[in-house]
Amino acid sequence: MNSDRVDEIAALRAQKKLDREAEVEAREAKEAEEAKSHAANMARIAKKMARIEAGNNTVAEESVVAEEPAAKPKAAPKKKKAPAKKPAAKAKGKPKGRPKGSKNKK
């Protein structure tokens, strides 16, 4: 019985070690993917900054400034709806038990 327990513990330790190694590999793969994505973003930003420094972006700015915003047509006023009517209160039935003002106690 004791040797079975020792074997189970050894198997669990080995499995735990494999799980930790797999976790480390997954984390490293995720970090590598994030680094690759970050490098691509930085390259894109550097490319934009170089284009701005070269002055190629001024053409786009001029075309935006040249367009005047069109006057918005006024929206038609909305009609007000009649307020919803509240349902009539239900009539109470005959009260049960002794009335509150009654002094008749047994």
PDB file of N, CA and C in Angstrom:
ATOM      1  N   MET A   1       0.827  -1.187   0.000  1.00  0.00           N
ATOM      2  CA  MET A   1       0.000   0.000   0.000  1.00  0.00           C
ATOM      3  C   MET A   1       0.870   1.249   0.000  1.00  0.00           C
ATOM      4  N   ASN A   2       1.877   1.248   0.804  1.00  0.00           N
ATOM      5  CA  ASN A   2       2.744   2.411   0.907  1.00  0.00           C
ATOM      6  C   ASN A   2       3.506   2.645  -0.390  1.00  0.00           C
ATOM      7  N   SER A   3       3.930   1.576  -1.035  1.00  0.00           N
ATOM      8  CA  SER A   3       4.680   1.736  -2.281  1.00  0.00           C
ATOM      9  C   SER A   3       3.776   2.271  -3.391  1.00  0.00           C
ATOM     10  N   ASP A   4       2.500   1.875  -3.376  1.00  0.00           N
ATOM     11  CA  ASP A   4       1.553   2.417  -4.355  1.00  0.00           C
ATOM     12  C   ASP A   4       1.417   3.925  -4.190  1.00  0.00           C
ATOM     13  N   ARG A   5       1.352   4.339  -2.952  1.00  0.00           N
ATOM     14  CA  ARG A   5       1.205   5.778  -2.638  1.00  0.00           C
ATOM     15  C   ARG A   5       2.432   6.551  -3.120  1.00  0.00           C
ATOM     16  N   VAL A   6       3.613   5.986  -2.908  1.00  0.00           N
ATOM     17  CA  VAL A   6       4.850   6.633  -3.340  1.00  0.00           C
ATOM     18  C   VAL A   6       4.885   6.729  -4.863  1.00  0.00           C
ATOM     19  N   ASP A   7       4.435   5.675  -5.521  1.00  0.00           N
ATOM     20  CA  ASP A   7       4.407   5.695  -6.989  1.00  0.00           C
ATOM     21  C   ASP A   7       3.436   6.762  -7.507  1.00  0.00           C
ATOM     22  N   GLU A   8       2.272   6.885  -6.858  1.00  0.00           N
ATOM     23  CA  GLU A   8       1.300   7.899  -7.258  1.00  0.00           C
ATOM     24  C   GLU A   8       1.868   9.302  -7.084  1.00  0.00           C
ATOM     25  N   ILE A   9       2.546   9.520  -5.971  1.00  0.00           N
ATOM     26  CA  ILE A   9       3.135  10.838  -5.699  1.00  0.00           C
ATOM     27  C   ILE A   9       4.201  11.158  -6.747  1.00  0.00           C
ATOM     28  N   ALA A  10       5.035  10.177  -7.089  1.00  0.00           N
ATOM     29  CA  ALA A  10       6.084  10.384  -8.093  1.00  0.00           C
ATOM     30  C   ALA A  10       5.458  10.693  -9.449  1.00  0.00           C
ATOM     31  N   ALA A  11       4.360   9.999  -9.793  1.00  0.00           N
ATOM     32  CA  ALA A  11       3.694  10.244 -11.070  1.00  0.00           C
ATOM     33  C   ALA A  11       3.094  11.650 -11.097  1.00  0.00           C
ATOM     34  N   LEU A  12       2.483  12.065  -9.987  1.00  0.00           N
ATOM     35  CA  LEU A  12       1.906  13.410  -9.912  1.00  0.00           C
ATOM     36  C   LEU A  12       2.979  14.486 -10.039  1.00  0.00           C
ATOM     37  N   ARG A  13       4.117  14.264  -9.376  1.00  0.00           N
ATOM     38  CA  ARG A  13       5.218  15.238  -9.480  1.00  0.00           C
ATOM     39  C   ARG A  13       5.715  15.346 -10.915  1.00  0.00           C
ATOM     40  N   ALA A  14       5.846  14.202 -11.591  1.00  0.00           N
ATOM     41  CA  ALA A  14       6.313  14.211 -12.977  1.00  0.00           C
ATOM     42  C   ALA A  14       5.305  14.944 -13.863  1.00  0.00           C
ATOM     43  N   GLN A  15       4.016  14.676 -13.634  1.00  0.00           N
ATOM     44  CA  GLN A  15       2.975  15.357 -14.417  1.00  0.00           C
ATOM     45  C   GLN A  15       2.981  16.856 -14.161  1.00  0.00           C
ATOM     46  N   LYS A  16       3.170  17.240 -12.899  1.00  0.00           N
ATOM     47  CA  LYS A  16       3.215  18.657 -12.540  1.00  0.00           C
ATOM     48  C   LYS A  16       4.400  19.345 -13.216  1.00  0.00           C
ATOM     49  N   LYS A  17       5.536  18.653 -13.280  1.00  0.00           N
ATOM     50  CA  LYS A  17       6.717  19.215 -13.924  1.00  0.00           C
ATOM     51  C   LYS A  17       6.452  19.422 -15.416  1.00  0.00           C
ATOM     52  N   LEU A  18       5.794  18.453 -16.052  1.00  0.00           N
ATOM     53  CA  LEU A  18       5.451  18.593 -17.469  1.00  0.00           C
ATOM     54  C   LEU A  18       4.478  19.747 -17.693  1.00  0.00           C
ATOM     55  N   ASP A  19       3.517  19.888 -16.786  1.00  0.00           N
ATOM     56  CA  ASP A  19       2.555  20.992 -16.892  1.00  0.00           C
ATOM     57  C   ASP A  19       3.246  22.340 -16.781  1.00  0.00           C
ATOM     58  N   ARG A  20       4.195  22.455 -15.845  1.00  0.00           N
ATOM     59  CA  ARG A  20       4.931  23.727 -15.688  1.00  0.00           C
ATOM     60  C   ARG A  20       5.736  24.038 -16.940  1.00  0.00           C
ATOM     61  N   GLU A  21       6.385  23.015 -17.521  1.00  0.00           N
ATOM     62  CA  GLU A  21       7.165  23.244 -18.741  1.00  0.00           C
ATOM     63  C   GLU A  21       6.262  23.692 -19.891  1.00  0.00           C
ATOM     64  N   ALA A  22       5.084  23.067 -20.000  1.00  0.00           N
ATOM     65  CA  ALA A  22       4.151  23.462 -21.057  1.00  0.00           C
ATOM     66  C   ALA A  22       3.671  24.892 -20.840  1.00  0.00           C
ATOM     67  N   GLU A  23       3.447  25.262 -19.590  1.00  0.00           N
ATOM     68  CA  GLU A  23       3.007  26.621 -19.271  1.00  0.00           C
ATOM     69  C   GLU A  23       4.082  27.637 -19.642  1.00  0.00           C
ATOM     70  N   VAL A  24       5.339  27.311 -19.357  1.00  0.00           N
ATOM     71  CA  VAL A  24       6.445  28.214 -19.688  1.00  0.00           C
ATOM     72  C   VAL A  24       6.539  28.375 -21.205  1.00  0.00           C
ATOM     73  N   GLU A  25       6.406  27.270 -21.945  1.00  0.00           N
ATOM     74  CA  GLU A  25       6.481  27.347 -23.403  1.00  0.00           C
ATOM     75  C   GLU A  25       5.334  28.193 -23.960  1.00  0.00           C
ATOM     76  N   ALA A  26       4.148  28.033 -23.407  1.00  0.00           N
ATOM     77  CA  ALA A  26       3.004  28.817 -23.873  1.00  0.00           C
ATOM     78  C   ALA A  26       3.217  30.297 -23.583  1.00  0.00           C
ATOM     79  N   ARG A  27       3.739  30.614 -22.394  1.00  0.00           N
ATOM     80  CA  ARG A  27       3.985  32.008 -22.039  1.00  0.00           C
ATOM     81  C   ARG A  27       5.034  32.624 -22.952  1.00  0.00           C
ATOM     82  N   GLU A  28       6.110  31.866 -23.250  1.00  0.00           N
ATOM     83  CA  GLU A  28       7.154  32.377 -24.137  1.00  0.00           C
ATOM     84  C   GLU A  28       6.610  32.605 -25.549  1.00  0.00           C
ATOM     85  N   ALA A  29       5.741  31.693 -26.011  1.00  0.00           N
ATOM     86  CA  ALA A  29       5.151  31.858 -27.344  1.00  0.00           C
ATOM     87  C   ALA A  29       4.267  33.103 -27.376  1.00  0.00           C
ATOM     88  N   LYS A  30       3.500  33.328 -26.303  1.00  0.00           N
ATOM     89  CA  LYS A  30       2.629  34.498 -26.234  1.00  0.00           C
ATOM     90  C   LYS A  30       3.460  35.774 -26.212  1.00  0.00           C
ATOM     91  N   GLU A  31       4.541  35.781 -25.435  1.00  0.00           N
ATOM     92  CA  GLU A  31       5.400  36.959 -25.367  1.00  0.00           C
ATOM     93  C   GLU A  31       6.058  37.229 -26.714  1.00  0.00           C
ATOM     94  N   ALA A  32       6.460  36.168 -27.418  1.00  0.00           N
ATOM     95  CA  ALA A  32       7.074  36.341 -28.735  1.00  0.00           C
ATOM     96  C   ALA A  32       6.061  36.936 -29.715  1.00  0.00           C
ATOM     97  N   GLU A  33       4.808  36.471 -29.651  1.00  0.00           N
ATOM     98  CA  GLU A  33       3.760  37.000 -30.523  1.00  0.00           C
ATOM     99  C   GLU A  33       3.494  38.476 -30.210  1.00  0.00           C
ATOM    100  N   GLU A  34       3.466  38.811 -28.918  1.00  0.00           N
ATOM    101  CA  GLU A  34       3.244  40.207 -28.530  1.00  0.00           C
ATOM    102  C   GLU A  34       4.406  41.085 -28.980  1.00  0.00           C
ATOM    103  N   ALA A  35       5.637  40.580 -28.865  1.00  0.00           N
ATOM    104  CA  ALA A  35       6.811  41.345 -29.293  1.00  0.00           C
ATOM    105  C   ALA A  35       6.770  41.578 -30.807  1.00  0.00           C
ATOM    106  N   LYS A  36       6.354  40.547 -31.554  1.00  0.00           N
ATOM    107  CA  LYS A  36       6.260  40.671 -33.004  1.00  0.00           C
ATOM    108  C   LYS A  36       5.208  41.723 -33.378  1.00  0.00           C
ATOM    109  N   SER A  37       4.074  41.693 -32.699  1.00  0.00           N
ATOM    110  CA  SER A  37       3.008  42.655 -32.949  1.00  0.00           C
ATOM    111  C   SER A  37       3.477  44.071 -32.602  1.00  0.00           C
ATOM    112  N   HIS A  38       4.181  44.192 -31.474  1.00  0.00           N
ATOM    113  CA  HIS A  38       4.678  45.503 -31.054  1.00  0.00           C
ATOM    114  C   HIS A  38       5.679  46.047 -32.071  1.00  0.00           C
ATOM    115  N   ALA A  39       6.545  45.179 -32.572  1.00  0.00           N
ATOM    116  CA  ALA A  39       7.534  45.620 -33.561  1.00  0.00           C
ATOM    117  C   ALA A  39       6.838  46.093 -34.837  1.00  0.00           C
ATOM    118  N   ALA A  40       5.782  45.388 -35.244  1.00  0.00           N
ATOM    119  CA  ALA A  40       5.044  45.794 -36.442  1.00  0.00           C
ATOM    120  C   ALA A  40       4.387  47.157 -36.227  1.00  0.00           C
ATOM    121  N   ASN A  41       3.827  47.372 -35.035  1.00  0.00           N
ATOM    122  CA  ASN A  41       3.195  48.663 -34.738  1.00  0.00           C
ATOM    123  C   ASN A  41       4.224  49.787 -34.723  1.00  0.00           C
ATOM    124  N   MET A  42       5.373  49.527 -34.124  1.00  0.00           N
ATOM    125  CA  MET A  42       6.414  50.553 -34.072  1.00  0.00           C
ATOM    126  C   MET A  42       6.916  50.882 -35.474  1.00  0.00           C
ATOM    127  N   ALA A  43       7.026  49.875 -36.342  1.00  0.00           N
ATOM    128  CA  ALA A  43       7.449  50.128 -37.720  1.00  0.00           C
ATOM    129  C   ALA A  43       6.415  50.982 -38.441  1.00  0.00           C
ATOM    130  N   ARG A  44       5.130  50.700 -38.207  1.00  0.00           N
ATOM    131  CA  ARG A  44       4.062  51.481 -38.830  1.00  0.00           C
ATOM    132  C   ARG A  44       4.103  52.925 -38.354  1.00  0.00           C
ATOM    133  N   ILE A  45       4.331  53.110 -37.063  1.00  0.00           N
ATOM    134  CA  ILE A  45       4.399  54.468 -36.502  1.00  0.00           C
ATOM    135  C   ILE A  45       5.607  55.208 -37.053  1.00  0.00           C
ATOM    136  N   ALA A  46       6.753  54.524 -37.153  1.00  0.00           N
ATOM    137  CA  ALA A  46       7.961  55.158 -37.687  1.00  0.00           C
ATOM    138  C   ALA A  46       7.739  55.580 -39.136  1.00  0.00           C
ATOM    139  N   LYS A  47       7.024  54.750 -39.889  1.00  0.00           N
ATOM    140  CA  LYS A  47       6.739  55.070 -41.279  1.00  0.00           C
ATOM    141  C   LYS A  47       5.862  56.318 -41.369  1.00  0.00           C
ATOM    142  N   LYS A  48       4.858  56.414 -40.501  1.00  0.00           N
ATOM    143  CA  LYS A  48       3.995  57.596 -40.477  1.00  0.00           C
ATOM    144  C   LYS A  48       4.782  58.844 -40.101  1.00  0.00           C
ATOM    145  N   MET A  49       5.639  58.723 -39.099  1.00  0.00           N
ATOM    146  CA  MET A  49       6.426  59.878 -38.666  1.00  0.00           C
ATOM    147  C   MET A  49       7.361  60.345 -39.775  1.00  0.00           C
ATOM    148  N   ALA A  50       7.944  59.396 -40.501  1.00  0.00           N
ATOM    149  CA  ALA A  50       8.824  59.776 -41.612  1.00  0.00           C
ATOM    150  C   ALA A  50       8.030  60.497 -42.693  1.00  0.00           C
ATOM    151  N   ARG A  51       6.810  60.044 -42.952  1.00  0.00           N
ATOM    152  CA  ARG A  51       5.978  60.682 -43.959  1.00  0.00           C
ATOM    153  C   ARG A  51       5.590  62.091 -43.520  1.00  0.00           C
ATOM    154  N   ILE A  52       5.321  62.272 -42.226  1.00  0.00           N
ATOM    155  CA  ILE A  52       4.982  63.601 -41.706  1.00  0.00           C
ATOM    156  C   ILE A  52       6.190  64.530 -41.808  1.00  0.00           C
ATOM    157  N   GLU A  53       7.374  64.001 -41.440  1.00  0.00           N
ATOM    158  CA  GLU A  53       8.593  64.812 -41.513  1.00  0.00           C
ATOM    159  C   GLU A  53       8.886  65.224 -42.957  1.00  0.00           C
ATOM    160  N   ALA A  54       8.595  64.359 -43.905  1.00  0.00           N
ATOM    161  CA  ALA A  54       8.869  64.667 -45.314  1.00  0.00           C
ATOM    162  C   ALA A  54       7.884  65.689 -45.865  1.00  0.00           C
ATOM    163  N   GLY A  55       6.761  65.878 -45.204  1.00  0.00           N
ATOM    164  CA  GLY A  55       5.796  66.870 -45.657  1.00  0.00           C
ATOM    165  C   GLY A  55       4.760  66.300 -46.608  1.00  0.00           C
ATOM    166  N   ASN A  56       4.679  65.004 -46.749  1.00  0.00           N
ATOM    167  CA  ASN A  56       3.699  64.400 -47.651  1.00  0.00           C
ATOM    168  C   ASN A  56       2.293  64.466 -47.072  1.00  0.00           C
ATOM    169  N   ASN A  57       2.166  64.709 -45.817  1.00  0.00           N
ATOM    170  CA  ASN A  57       0.866  64.703 -45.164  1.00  0.00           C
ATOM    171  C   ASN A  57       0.135  66.029 -45.342  1.00  0.00           C
ATOM    172  N   THR A  58       0.814  67.090 -45.793  1.00  0.00           N
ATOM    173  CA  THR A  58       0.175  68.399 -45.908  1.00  0.00           C
ATOM    174  C   THR A  58      -0.921  68.389 -46.973  1.00  0.00           C
ATOM    175  N   VAL A  59      -0.794  67.569 -48.012  1.00  0.00           N
ATOM    176  CA  VAL A  59      -1.801  67.508 -49.070  1.00  0.00           C
ATOM    177  C   VAL A  59      -3.123  67.022 -48.485  1.00  0.00           C
ATOM    178  N   ALA A  60      -3.061  66.037 -47.612  1.00  0.00           N
ATOM    179  CA  ALA A  60      -4.280  65.506 -47.016  1.00  0.00           C
ATOM    180  C   ALA A  60      -4.929  66.556 -46.119  1.00  0.00           C
ATOM    181  N   GLU A  61      -4.121  67.325 -45.403  1.00  0.00           N
ATOM    182  CA  GLU A  61      -4.669  68.353 -44.515  1.00  0.00           C
ATOM    183  C   GLU A  61      -5.359  69.454 -45.318  1.00  0.00           C
ATOM    184  N   GLU A  62      -4.773  69.854 -46.465  1.00  0.00           N
ATOM    185  CA  GLU A  62      -5.357  70.909 -47.274  1.00  0.00           C
ATOM    186  C   GLU A  62      -6.715  70.490 -47.828  1.00  0.00           C
ATOM    187  N   SER A  63      -6.842  69.249 -48.246  1.00  0.00           N
ATOM    188  CA  SER A  63      -8.120  68.801 -48.802  1.00  0.00           C
ATOM    189  C   SER A  63      -9.202  68.789 -47.723  1.00  0.00           C
ATOM    190  N   VAL A  64      -8.827  68.509 -46.493  1.00  0.00           N
ATOM    191  CA  VAL A  64      -9.795  68.515 -45.404  1.00  0.00           C
ATOM    192  C   VAL A  64     -10.221  69.939 -45.096  1.00  0.00           C
ATOM    193  N   VAL A  65      -9.281  70.882 -45.118  1.00  0.00           N
ATOM    194  CA  VAL A  65      -9.591  72.270 -44.819  1.00  0.00           C
ATOM    195  C   VAL A  65     -10.430  72.885 -45.931  1.00  0.00           C
ATOM    196  N   ALA A  66     -10.201  72.499 -47.182  1.00  0.00           N
ATOM    197  CA  ALA A  66     -10.905  73.085 -48.309  1.00  0.00           C
ATOM    198  C   ALA A  66     -12.402  72.780 -48.257  1.00  0.00           C
ATOM    199  N   GLU A  67     -12.777  71.639 -47.709  1.00  0.00           N
ATOM    200  CA  GLU A  67     -14.187  71.285 -47.638  1.00  0.00           C
ATOM    201  C   GLU A  67     -14.857  72.056 -46.509  1.00  0.00           C
ATOM    202  N   GLU A  68     -15.954  72.729 -46.837  1.00  0.00           N
ATOM    203  CA  GLU A  68     -16.696  73.437 -45.808  1.00  0.00           C
ATOM    204  C   GLU A  68     -17.812  72.537 -45.312  1.00  0.00           C
ATOM    205  N   PRO A  69     -18.068  72.552 -44.049  1.00  0.00           N
ATOM    206  CA  PRO A  69     -19.143  71.699 -43.551  1.00  0.00           C
ATOM    207  C   PRO A  69     -20.487  72.175 -44.088  1.00  0.00           C
ATOM    208  N   ALA A  70     -21.266  71.265 -44.571  1.00  0.00           N
ATOM    209  CA  ALA A  70     -22.576  71.597 -45.137  1.00  0.00           C
ATOM    210  C   ALA A  70     -23.532  71.944 -44.001  1.00  0.00           C
ATOM    211  N   ALA A  71     -24.411  72.890 -44.286  1.00  0.00           N
ATOM    212  CA  ALA A  71     -25.383  73.287 -43.273  1.00  0.00           C
ATOM    213  C   ALA A  71     -26.370  72.142 -43.075  1.00  0.00           C
ATOM    214  N   LYS A  72     -26.595  71.812 -41.841  1.00  0.00           N
ATOM    215  CA  LYS A  72     -27.502  70.712 -41.541  1.00  0.00           C
ATOM    216  C   LYS A  72     -28.945  71.219 -41.637  1.00  0.00           C
ATOM    217  N   PRO A  73     -29.795  70.473 -42.312  1.00  0.00           N
ATOM    218  CA  PRO A  73     -31.202  70.880 -42.353  1.00  0.00           C
ATOM    219  C   PRO A  73     -31.815  70.672 -40.973  1.00  0.00           C
ATOM    220  N   LYS A  74     -32.699  71.609 -40.621  1.00  0.00           N
ATOM    221  CA  LYS A  74     -33.319  71.506 -39.300  1.00  0.00           C
ATOM    222  C   LYS A  74     -34.302  70.351 -39.300  1.00  0.00           C
ATOM    223  N   ALA A  75     -34.271  69.622 -38.235  1.00  0.00           N
ATOM    224  CA  ALA A  75     -35.178  68.488 -38.111  1.00  0.00           C
ATOM    225  C   ALA A  75     -36.577  69.001 -37.794  1.00  0.00           C
ATOM    226  N   ALA A  76     -37.562  68.311 -38.290  1.00  0.00           N
ATOM    227  CA  ALA A  76     -38.943  68.703 -38.024  1.00  0.00           C
ATOM    228  C   ALA A  76     -39.232  68.481 -36.543  1.00  0.00           C
ATOM    229  N   PRO A  77     -39.970  69.396 -35.911  1.00  0.00           N
ATOM    230  CA  PRO A  77     -40.248  69.208 -34.488  1.00  0.00           C
ATOM    231  C   PRO A  77     -41.076  67.955 -34.267  1.00  0.00           C
ATOM    232  N   LYS A  78     -40.748  67.268 -33.233  1.00  0.00           N
ATOM    233  CA  LYS A  78     -41.461  66.029 -32.924  1.00  0.00           C
ATOM    234  C   LYS A  78     -42.790  66.354 -32.256  1.00  0.00           C
ATOM    235  N   LYS A  79     -43.780  65.562 -32.600  1.00  0.00           N
ATOM    236  CA  LYS A  79     -45.091  65.747 -31.984  1.00  0.00           C
ATOM    237  C   LYS A  79     -45.073  65.096 -30.613  1.00  0.00           C
ATOM    238  N   LYS A  80     -45.682  65.787 -29.671  1.00  0.00           N
ATOM    239  CA  LYS A  80     -45.738  65.243 -28.325  1.00  0.00           C
ATOM    240  C   LYS A  80     -46.862  64.233 -28.238  1.00  0.00           C
ATOM    241  N   LYS A  81     -46.571  63.143 -27.574  1.00  0.00           N
ATOM    242  CA  LYS A  81     -47.592  62.124 -27.384  1.00  0.00           C
ATOM    243  C   LYS A  81     -48.424  62.471 -26.160  1.00  0.00           C
ATOM    244  N   ALA A  82     -49.676  62.068 -26.181  1.00  0.00           N
ATOM    245  CA  ALA A  82     -50.554  62.281 -25.029  1.00  0.00           C
ATOM    246  C   ALA A  82     -50.053  61.387 -23.894  1.00  0.00           C
ATOM    247  N   PRO A  83     -50.065  61.899 -22.671  1.00  0.00           N
ATOM    248  CA  PRO A  83     -49.583  61.075 -21.569  1.00  0.00           C
ATOM    249  C   PRO A  83     -50.472  59.847 -21.395  1.00  0.00           C
ATOM    250  N   ALA A  84     -49.847  58.752 -21.043  1.00  0.00           N
ATOM    251  CA  ALA A  84     -50.586  57.505 -20.869  1.00  0.00           C
ATOM    252  C   ALA A  84     -51.478  57.609 -19.637  1.00  0.00           C
ATOM    253  N   LYS A  85     -52.684  57.089 -19.753  1.00  0.00           N
ATOM    254  CA  LYS A  85     -53.613  57.146 -18.633  1.00  0.00           C
ATOM    255  C   LYS A  85     -53.299  56.014 -17.675  1.00  0.00           C
ATOM    256  N   LYS A  86     -53.418  56.320 -16.400  1.00  0.00           N
ATOM    257  CA  LYS A  86     -53.172  55.300 -15.385  1.00  0.00           C
ATOM    258  C   LYS A  86     -54.414  54.431 -15.269  1.00  0.00           C
ATOM    259  N   PRO A  87     -54.227  53.133 -15.038  1.00  0.00           N
ATOM    260  CA  PRO A  87     -55.396  52.277 -14.872  1.00  0.00           C
ATOM    261  C   PRO A  87     -56.133  52.643 -13.587  1.00  0.00           C
ATOM    262  N   ALA A  88     -57.439  52.464 -13.594  1.00  0.00           N
ATOM    263  CA  ALA A  88     -58.262  52.789 -12.427  1.00  0.00           C
ATOM    264  C   ALA A  88     -57.890  51.857 -11.273  1.00  0.00           C
ATOM    265  N   ALA A  89     -57.960  52.387 -10.061  1.00  0.00           N
ATOM    266  CA  ALA A  89     -57.623  51.591  -8.885  1.00  0.00           C
ATOM    267  C   ALA A  89     -58.690  50.525  -8.674  1.00  0.00           C
ATOM    268  N   LYS A  90     -58.274  49.365  -8.255  1.00  0.00           N
ATOM    269  CA  LYS A  90     -59.214  48.274  -8.017  1.00  0.00           C
ATOM    270  C   LYS A  90     -59.979  48.529  -6.724  1.00  0.00           C
ATOM    271  N   ALA A  91     -61.239  48.190  -6.742  1.00  0.00           N
ATOM    272  CA  ALA A  91     -62.064  48.349  -5.541  1.00  0.00           C
ATOM    273  C   ALA A  91     -61.714  47.237  -4.562  1.00  0.00           C
ATOM    274  N   LYS A  92     -61.562  47.623  -3.295  1.00  0.00           N
ATOM    275  CA  LYS A  92     -61.231  46.629  -2.285  1.00  0.00           C
ATOM    276  C   LYS A  92     -62.485  45.865  -1.895  1.00  0.00           C
ATOM    277  N   GLY A  93     -62.285  44.610  -1.537  1.00  0.00           N
ATOM    278  CA  GLY A  93     -63.402  43.788  -1.093  1.00  0.00           C
ATOM    279  C   GLY A  93     -63.717  44.066   0.369  1.00  0.00           C
ATOM    280  N   LYS A  94     -64.602  43.292   0.916  1.00  0.00           N
ATOM    281  CA  LYS A  94     -65.002  43.449   2.301  1.00  0.00           C
ATOM    282  C   LYS A  94     -63.826  43.087   3.201  1.00  0.00           C
ATOM    283  N   PRO A  95     -63.465  43.944   4.182  1.00  0.00           N
ATOM    284  CA  PRO A  95     -62.341  43.631   5.060  1.00  0.00           C
ATOM    285  C   PRO A  95     -62.663  42.441   5.961  1.00  0.00           C
ATOM    286  N   LYS A  96     -61.650  41.681   6.233  1.00  0.00           N
ATOM    287  CA  LYS A  96     -61.817  40.518   7.099  1.00  0.00           C
ATOM    288  C   LYS A  96     -61.289  40.846   8.485  1.00  0.00           C
ATOM    289  N   GLY A  97     -61.819  40.220   9.462  1.00  0.00           N
ATOM    290  CA  GLY A  97     -61.334  40.397  10.821  1.00  0.00           C
ATOM    291  C   GLY A  97     -62.029  41.520  11.538  1.00  0.00           C
ATOM    292  N   ARG A  98     -61.518  41.854  12.701  1.00  0.00           N
ATOM    293  CA  ARG A  98     -62.086  42.858  13.586  1.00  0.00           C
ATOM    294  C   ARG A  98     -61.702  44.246  13.099  1.00  0.00           C
ATOM    295  N   PRO A  99     -62.598  45.198  13.100  1.00  0.00           N
ATOM    296  CA  PRO A  99     -62.260  46.567  12.708  1.00  0.00           C
ATOM    297  C   PRO A  99     -61.268  47.182  13.695  1.00  0.00           C
ATOM    298  N   LYS A 100     -60.470  48.133  13.223  1.00  0.00           N
ATOM    299  CA  LYS A 100     -59.440  48.737  14.061  1.00  0.00           C
ATOM    300  C   LYS A 100     -60.009  49.506  15.244  1.00  0.00           C
ATOM    301  N   GLY A 101     -61.078  50.172  15.071  1.00  0.00           N
ATOM    302  CA  GLY A 101     -61.639  50.987  16.144  1.00  0.00           C
ATOM    303  C   GLY A 101     -62.462  50.177  17.151  1.00  0.00           C
ATOM    304  N   SER A 102     -62.598  48.903  16.900  1.00  0.00           N
ATOM    305  CA  SER A 102     -63.469  48.101  17.761  1.00  0.00           C
ATOM    306  C   SER A 102     -62.800  47.792  19.091  1.00  0.00           C
ATOM    307  N   LYS A 103     -63.548  47.914  20.176  1.00  0.00           N
ATOM    308  CA  LYS A 103     -63.029  47.624  21.502  1.00  0.00           C
ATOM    309  C   LYS A 103     -63.521  46.271  22.025  1.00  0.00           C
ATOM    310  N   ASN A 104     -64.279  45.553  21.218  1.00  0.00           N
ATOM    311  CA  ASN A 104     -64.839  44.277  21.654  1.00  0.00           C
ATOM    312  C   ASN A 104     -63.749  43.213  21.651  1.00  0.00           C
ATOM    313  N   LYS A 105     -63.244  42.886  22.804  1.00  0.00           N
ATOM    314  CA  LYS A 105     -62.218  41.852  22.922  1.00  0.00           C
ATOM    315  C   LYS A 105     -62.793  40.696  23.713  1.00  0.00           C
ATOM    316  N   LYS A 106     -62.330  39.550  23.452  1.00  0.00           N
ATOM    317  CA  LYS A 106     -62.814  38.393  24.189  1.00  0.00           C
ATOM    318  C   LYS A 106     -61.928  38.053  25.340  1.00  0.00           C
TER     319      LYS A 106
END
